[in-house]
PDB file of N, CA and C in Angstrom:
ATOM      1  N   MET A   1      -5.418   0.056  22.299  1.00  0.00           N
ATOM      2  CA  MET A   1      -5.584  -0.735  21.074  1.00  0.00           C
ATOM      3  C   MET A   1      -5.594   0.165  19.843  1.00  0.00           C
ATOM      4  N   ARG A   2      -6.324   1.301  19.972  1.00  0.00           N
ATOM      5  CA  ARG A   2      -6.392   2.231  18.841  1.00  0.00           C
ATOM      6  C   ARG A   2      -5.011   2.840  18.566  1.00  0.00           C
ATOM      7  N   LEU A   3      -4.262   3.085  19.631  1.00  0.00           N
ATOM      8  CA  LEU A   3      -2.915   3.650  19.482  1.00  0.00           C
ATOM      9  C   LEU A   3      -2.019   2.677  18.719  1.00  0.00           C
ATOM     10  N   LEU A   4      -2.132   1.400  19.025  1.00  0.00           N
ATOM     11  CA  LEU A   4      -1.327   0.385  18.346  1.00  0.00           C
ATOM     12  C   LEU A   4      -1.665   0.328  16.863  1.00  0.00           C
ATOM     13  N   MET A   5      -2.956   0.429  16.537  1.00  0.00           N
ATOM     14  CA  MET A   5      -3.388   0.406  15.132  1.00  0.00           C
ATOM     15  C   MET A   5      -2.821   1.612  14.383  1.00  0.00           C
ATOM     16  N   MET A   6      -2.874   2.779  15.018  1.00  0.00           N
ATOM     17  CA  MET A   6      -2.358   3.988  14.364  1.00  0.00           C
ATOM     18  C   MET A   6      -0.842   3.900  14.190  1.00  0.00           C
ATOM     19  N   LEU A   7      -0.153   3.294  15.152  1.00  0.00           N
ATOM     20  CA  LEU A   7       1.296   3.132  15.052  1.00  0.00           C
ATOM     21  C   LEU A   7       1.664   2.217  13.886  1.00  0.00           C
ATOM     22  N   ILE A   8       0.935   1.093  13.765  1.00  0.00           N
ATOM     23  CA  ILE A   8       1.194   0.165  12.654  1.00  0.00           C
ATOM     24  C   ILE A   8       0.914   0.849  11.322  1.00  0.00           C
ATOM     25  N   LEU A   9      -0.178   1.605  11.255  1.00  0.00           N
ATOM     26  CA  LEU A   9      -0.528   2.309  10.018  1.00  0.00           C
ATOM     27  C   LEU A   9       0.552   3.325   9.650  1.00  0.00           C
ATOM     28  N   ALA A  10       1.059   4.051  10.640  1.00  0.00           N
ATOM     29  CA  ALA A  10       2.110   5.039  10.393  1.00  0.00           C
ATOM     30  C   ALA A  10       3.387   4.355   9.898  1.00  0.00           C
ATOM     31  N   LEU A  11       3.726   3.218  10.477  1.00  0.00           N
ATOM     32  CA  LEU A  11       4.916   2.482  10.036  1.00  0.00           C
ATOM     33  C   LEU A  11       4.757   2.002   8.600  1.00  0.00           C
ATOM     34  N   MET A  12       3.573   1.541   8.252  1.00  0.00           N
ATOM     35  CA  MET A  12       3.325   1.084   6.876  1.00  0.00           C
ATOM     36  C   MET A  12       3.475   2.239   5.892  1.00  0.00           C
ATOM     37  N   ILE A  13       2.925   3.405   6.247  1.00  0.00           N
ATOM     38  CA  ILE A  13       2.993   4.566   5.355  1.00  0.00           C
ATOM     39  C   ILE A  13       4.441   5.013   5.181  1.00  0.00           C
ATOM     40  N   THR A  14       5.196   5.066   6.287  1.00  0.00           N
ATOM     41  CA  THR A  14       6.591   5.501   6.186  1.00  0.00           C
ATOM     42  C   THR A  14       7.423   4.515   5.363  1.00  0.00           C
ATOM     43  N   SER A  15       7.133   3.219   5.487  1.00  0.00           N
ATOM     44  CA  SER A  15       7.887   2.231   4.708  1.00  0.00           C
ATOM     45  C   SER A  15       7.579   2.376   3.221  1.00  0.00           C
ATOM     46  N   VAL A  16       6.318   2.608   2.876  1.00  0.00           N
ATOM     47  CA  VAL A  16       5.940   2.787   1.463  1.00  0.00           C
ATOM     48  C   VAL A  16       6.594   4.043   0.909  1.00  0.00           C
ATOM     49  N   VAL A  17       6.547   5.129   1.680  1.00  0.00           N
ATOM     50  CA  VAL A  17       7.165   6.387   1.229  1.00  0.00           C
ATOM     51  C   VAL A  17       8.676   6.205   1.061  1.00  0.00           C
ATOM     52  N   GLY A  18       9.298   5.471   1.975  1.00  0.00           N
ATOM     53  CA  GLY A  18      10.738   5.230   1.877  1.00  0.00           C
ATOM     54  C   GLY A  18      11.090   4.425   0.642  1.00  0.00           C
ATOM     55  N   ILE A  19      10.298   3.396   0.345  1.00  0.00           N
ATOM     56  CA  ILE A  19      10.563   2.579  -0.844  1.00  0.00           C
ATOM     57  C   ILE A  19      10.394   3.422  -2.106  1.00  0.00           C
ATOM     58  N   LEU A  20       9.330   4.230  -2.158  1.00  0.00           N
ATOM     59  CA  LEU A  20       9.106   5.078  -3.335  1.00  0.00           C
ATOM     60  C   LEU A  20      10.241   6.090  -3.486  1.00  0.00           C
ATOM     61  N   GLY A  21      10.705   6.652  -2.373  1.00  0.00           N
ATOM     62  CA  GLY A  21      11.808   7.619  -2.433  1.00  0.00           C
ATOM     63  C   GLY A  21      13.072   6.979  -2.950  1.00  0.00           C
ATOM     64  N   VAL A  22      13.373   5.770  -2.512  1.00  0.00           N
ATOM     65  CA  VAL A  22      14.570   5.068  -2.972  1.00  0.00           C
ATOM     66  C   VAL A  22      14.461   4.772  -4.462  1.00  0.00           C
ATOM     67  N   GLN A  23      13.284   4.369  -4.933  1.00  0.00           N
ATOM     68  CA  GLN A  23      13.096   4.074  -6.351  1.00  0.00           C
ATOM     69  C   GLN A  23      13.257   5.338  -7.180  1.00  0.00           C
ATOM     70  N   MET A  24      12.730   6.475  -6.681  1.00  0.00           N
ATOM     71  CA  MET A  24      12.857   7.723  -7.431  1.00  0.00           C
ATOM     72  C   MET A  24      14.318   8.146  -7.534  1.00  0.00           C
ATOM     73  N   PHE A  25      15.054   8.082  -6.428  1.00  0.00           N
ATOM     74  CA  PHE A  25      16.464   8.465  -6.456  1.00  0.00           C
ATOM     75  C   PHE A  25      17.265   7.498  -7.320  1.00  0.00           C
ATOM     76  N   GLY A  26      16.969   6.217  -7.237  1.00  0.00           N
ATOM     77  CA  GLY A  26      17.670   5.226  -8.049  1.00  0.00           C
ATOM     78  C   GLY A  26      17.400   5.432  -9.532  1.00  0.00           C
ATOM     79  N   GLY A  27      16.168   5.786  -9.887  1.00  0.00           N
ATOM     80  CA  GLY A  27      15.824   6.017 -11.287  1.00  0.00           C
ATOM     81  C   GLY A  27      16.542   7.238 -11.843  1.00  0.00           C
ATOM     82  N   SER A  28      16.652   8.306 -11.038  1.00  0.00           N
ATOM     83  CA  SER A  28      17.312   9.512 -11.523  1.00  0.00           C
ATOM     84  C   SER A  28      18.810   9.268 -11.708  1.00  0.00           C
ATOM     85  N   LYS A  29      19.392   8.386 -10.902  1.00  0.00           N
ATOM     86  CA  LYS A  29      20.821   8.095 -11.050  1.00  0.00           C
ATOM     87  C   LYS A  29      21.089   7.205 -12.270  1.00  0.00           C
ATOM     88  N   SER A  30      20.158   6.313 -12.576  1.00  0.00           N
ATOM     89  CA  SER A  30      20.391   5.362 -13.661  1.00  0.00           C
ATOM     90  C   SER A  30      20.249   6.034 -15.034  1.00  0.00           C
ATOM     91  N   ASP A  31      19.672   7.244 -15.091  1.00  0.00           N
ATOM     92  CA  ASP A  31      19.524   7.930 -16.376  1.00  0.00           C
ATOM     93  C   ASP A  31      20.888   8.304 -16.961  1.00  0.00           C
ATOM     94  N   LYS A  32      21.811   8.713 -16.111  1.00  0.00           N
ATOM     95  CA  LYS A  32      23.140   9.126 -16.584  1.00  0.00           C
ATOM     96  C   LYS A  32      24.148   8.015 -16.288  1.00  0.00           C
ATOM     97  N   PRO A  33      25.077   7.777 -17.201  1.00  0.00           N
ATOM     98  CA  PRO A  33      26.108   6.768 -16.915  1.00  0.00           C
ATOM     99  C   PRO A  33      27.030   7.256 -15.808  1.00  0.00           C
ATOM    100  N   PRO A  34      27.599   6.355 -15.022  1.00  0.00           N
ATOM    101  CA  PRO A  34      28.500   6.785 -13.949  1.00  0.00           C
ATOM    102  C   PRO A  34      29.751   7.446 -14.519  1.00  0.00           C
ATOM    103  N   PRO A  35      30.250   8.470 -13.839  1.00  0.00           N
ATOM    104  CA  PRO A  35      31.445   9.154 -14.359  1.00  0.00           C
ATOM    105  C   PRO A  35      32.652   8.226 -14.370  1.00  0.00           C
ATOM    106  N   VAL A  36      33.425   8.302 -15.459  1.00  0.00           N
ATOM    107  CA  VAL A  36      34.607   7.458 -15.579  1.00  0.00           C
ATOM    108  C   VAL A  36      35.772   8.159 -14.901  1.00  0.00           C
ATOM    109  N   ILE A  37      36.421   7.466 -13.991  1.00  0.00           N
ATOM    110  CA  ILE A  37      37.554   8.052 -13.268  1.00  0.00           C
ATOM    111  C   ILE A  37      38.813   7.824 -14.107  1.00  0.00           C
ATOM    112  N   GLN A  38      39.436   8.907 -14.519  1.00  0.00           N
ATOM    113  CA  GLN A  38      40.641   8.816 -15.339  1.00  0.00           C
ATOM    114  C   GLN A  38      41.841   8.560 -14.436  1.00  0.00           C
ATOM    115  N   GLN A  39      42.505   7.447 -14.679  1.00  0.00           N
ATOM    116  CA  GLN A  39      43.696   7.119 -13.896  1.00  0.00           C
ATOM    117  C   GLN A  39      44.929   7.278 -14.790  1.00  0.00           C
ATOM    118  N   PRO A  40      45.979   7.893 -14.261  1.00  0.00           N
ATOM    119  CA  PRO A  40      47.192   8.043 -15.079  1.00  0.00           C
ATOM    120  C   PRO A  40      47.829   6.676 -15.374  1.00  0.00           C
ATOM    121  N   GLU A  41      48.359   6.554 -16.572  1.00  0.00           N
ATOM    122  CA  GLU A  41      48.971   5.279 -16.959  1.00  0.00           C
ATOM    123  C   GLU A  41      50.274   5.066 -16.191  1.00  0.00           C
ATOM    124  N   PRO A  42      50.519   3.855 -15.721  1.00  0.00           N
ATOM    125  CA  PRO A  42      51.786   3.615 -15.011  1.00  0.00           C
ATOM    126  C   PRO A  42      52.979   3.680 -15.956  1.00  0.00           C
ATOM    127  N   LYS A  43      54.068   4.256 -15.499  1.00  0.00           N
ATOM    128  CA  LYS A  43      55.250   4.419 -16.354  1.00  0.00           C
ATOM    129  C   LYS A  43      56.207   3.234 -16.191  1.00  0.00           C
TER     130      LYS A  43
END
């Protein structure tokens, strides 16, 4: 029973850390505009 509780707690912690990591990476990407890909004009 104690093992199950510790497993659930570990899963909760990893999910919170994963969400925070995704938000941090997403925030750092949104600071800069996406690079514009220059395409040659069709002739």
